[in-house]
Amino acid sequence: MTYSIFLGCLWVLASTIVALLPMRHQYIPGVSLLIAAPLLIVWIGYDHGWFWSFLCVAAFISMFRNPLLYFYRRARGDQPEIPK
């Protein structure tokens, strides 16, 4: 198994654990996973091809749809509310 797939599996496990945390404890580890994901996706795409990278992007968007929508709305100038 290559390092990229191994780190991808660790990333999935870490994001599952973070999702099980209460919302107020998810911000710091969630942001670090959000930042690490594109780097890992590019690495997987480099090692295994664009198709697998595309699947990783689809899974990433599915898992982080709410934070990505928040950042999208902030970039548009809206003031989205943060859940408590």
Protein backbone atom coordinates (compact mmCIF):
# COMPACT_ATOMS: atom_id res chain seq x y z
CA MET A 1 0.00 0.00 0.00
CA THR A 2 1.34 3.42 -0.86
CA TYR A 3 1.76 6.19 1.67
CA SER A 4 -0.90 8.33 0.03
CA ILE A 5 -3.60 5.67 0.44
CA PHE A 6 -2.47 4.96 4.01
CA LEU A 7 -2.62 8.66 4.92
CA GLY A 8 -5.98 8.92 3.17
CA CYS A 9 -7.33 6.13 5.38
CA LEU A 10 -5.96 7.87 8.46
CA TRP A 11 -7.56 11.12 7.32
CA VAL A 12 -10.94 9.40 6.97
CA LEU A 13 -10.66 7.88 10.45
CA ALA A 14 -9.64 11.24 11.94
CA SER A 15 -12.55 13.03 10.27
CA THR A 16 -14.95 10.39 11.56
CA ILE A 17 -13.66 10.87 15.10
CA VAL A 18 -13.94 14.66 14.76
CA ALA A 19 -17.53 14.30 13.52
CA LEU A 20 -18.41 12.42 16.70
CA LEU A 21 -17.20 15.29 18.90
CA PRO A 22 -19.60 17.96 20.17
CA MET A 23 -19.86 20.92 17.80
CA ARG A 24 -17.87 23.31 20.00
CA HIS A 25 -14.89 20.91 19.96
CA GLN A 26 -14.95 20.30 16.19
CA TYR A 27 -13.60 23.65 14.97
CA ILE A 28 -9.83 23.34 15.41
CA PRO A 29 -9.40 19.71 14.27
CA GLY A 30 -12.02 20.23 11.54
CA VAL A 31 -10.17 23.21 10.07
CA SER A 32 -6.88 21.30 10.10
CA LEU A 33 -8.54 18.40 8.27
CA LEU A 34 -10.11 20.88 5.85
CA ILE A 35 -6.68 22.33 5.07
CA ALA A 36 -4.96 18.93 4.80
CA ALA A 37 -7.53 17.40 2.43
CA PRO A 38 -6.59 19.21 -0.81
CA LEU A 39 -2.92 18.36 -0.32
CA LEU A 40 -3.79 14.71 0.24
CA ILE A 41 -6.14 14.66 -2.76
CA VAL A 42 -3.43 16.05 -5.04
CA TRP A 43 -0.98 13.46 -3.72
CA ILE A 44 -3.46 10.62 -4.34
CA GLY A 45 -4.11 11.98 -7.82
CA TYR A 46 -0.39 12.13 -8.53
CA ASP A 47 0.16 8.54 -7.37
CA HIS A 48 -2.98 6.86 -8.73
CA GLY A 49 -4.51 9.03 -11.45
CA TRP A 50 -7.12 11.71 -11.94
CA PHE A 51 -10.13 9.36 -11.59
CA TRP A 52 -9.28 8.53 -7.98
CA SER A 53 -8.55 12.16 -7.29
CA PHE A 54 -12.00 13.04 -8.65
CA LEU A 55 -13.61 10.49 -6.32
CA CYS A 56 -11.68 11.96 -3.41
CA VAL A 57 -12.88 15.47 -4.29
CA ALA A 58 -16.50 14.23 -4.42
CA ALA A 59 -16.14 12.59 -1.00
CA PHE A 60 -14.46 15.71 0.40
CA ILE A 61 -17.25 17.99 -0.82
CA SER A 62 -19.85 15.60 0.56
CA MET A 63 -18.22 15.44 4.00
CA PHE A 64 -17.45 19.16 4.33
CA ARG A 65 -20.48 20.62 2.56
CA ASN A 66 -21.56 22.82 5.49
CA PRO A 67 -18.15 24.45 6.15
CA LEU A 68 -17.60 24.90 2.42
CA LEU A 69 -21.03 26.56 2.08
CA TYR A 70 -20.17 28.82 5.02
CA PHE A 71 -16.90 29.95 3.41
CA TYR A 72 -18.65 30.38 0.05
CA ARG A 73 -21.31 32.60 1.62
CA ARG A 74 -18.67 34.60 3.48
CA ALA A 75 -16.76 35.13 0.23
CA ARG A 76 -19.96 36.46 -1.38
CA GLY A 77 -20.33 39.00 1.43
CA ASP A 78 -23.20 37.37 3.32
CA GLN A 79 -23.23 36.95 7.09
CA PRO A 80 -24.16 33.29 7.63
CA GLU A 81 -24.96 32.27 11.17
CA ILE A 82 -22.76 29.83 13.03
CA PRO A 83 -24.47 26.89 14.78
CA LYS A 84 -24.22 26.84 18.56
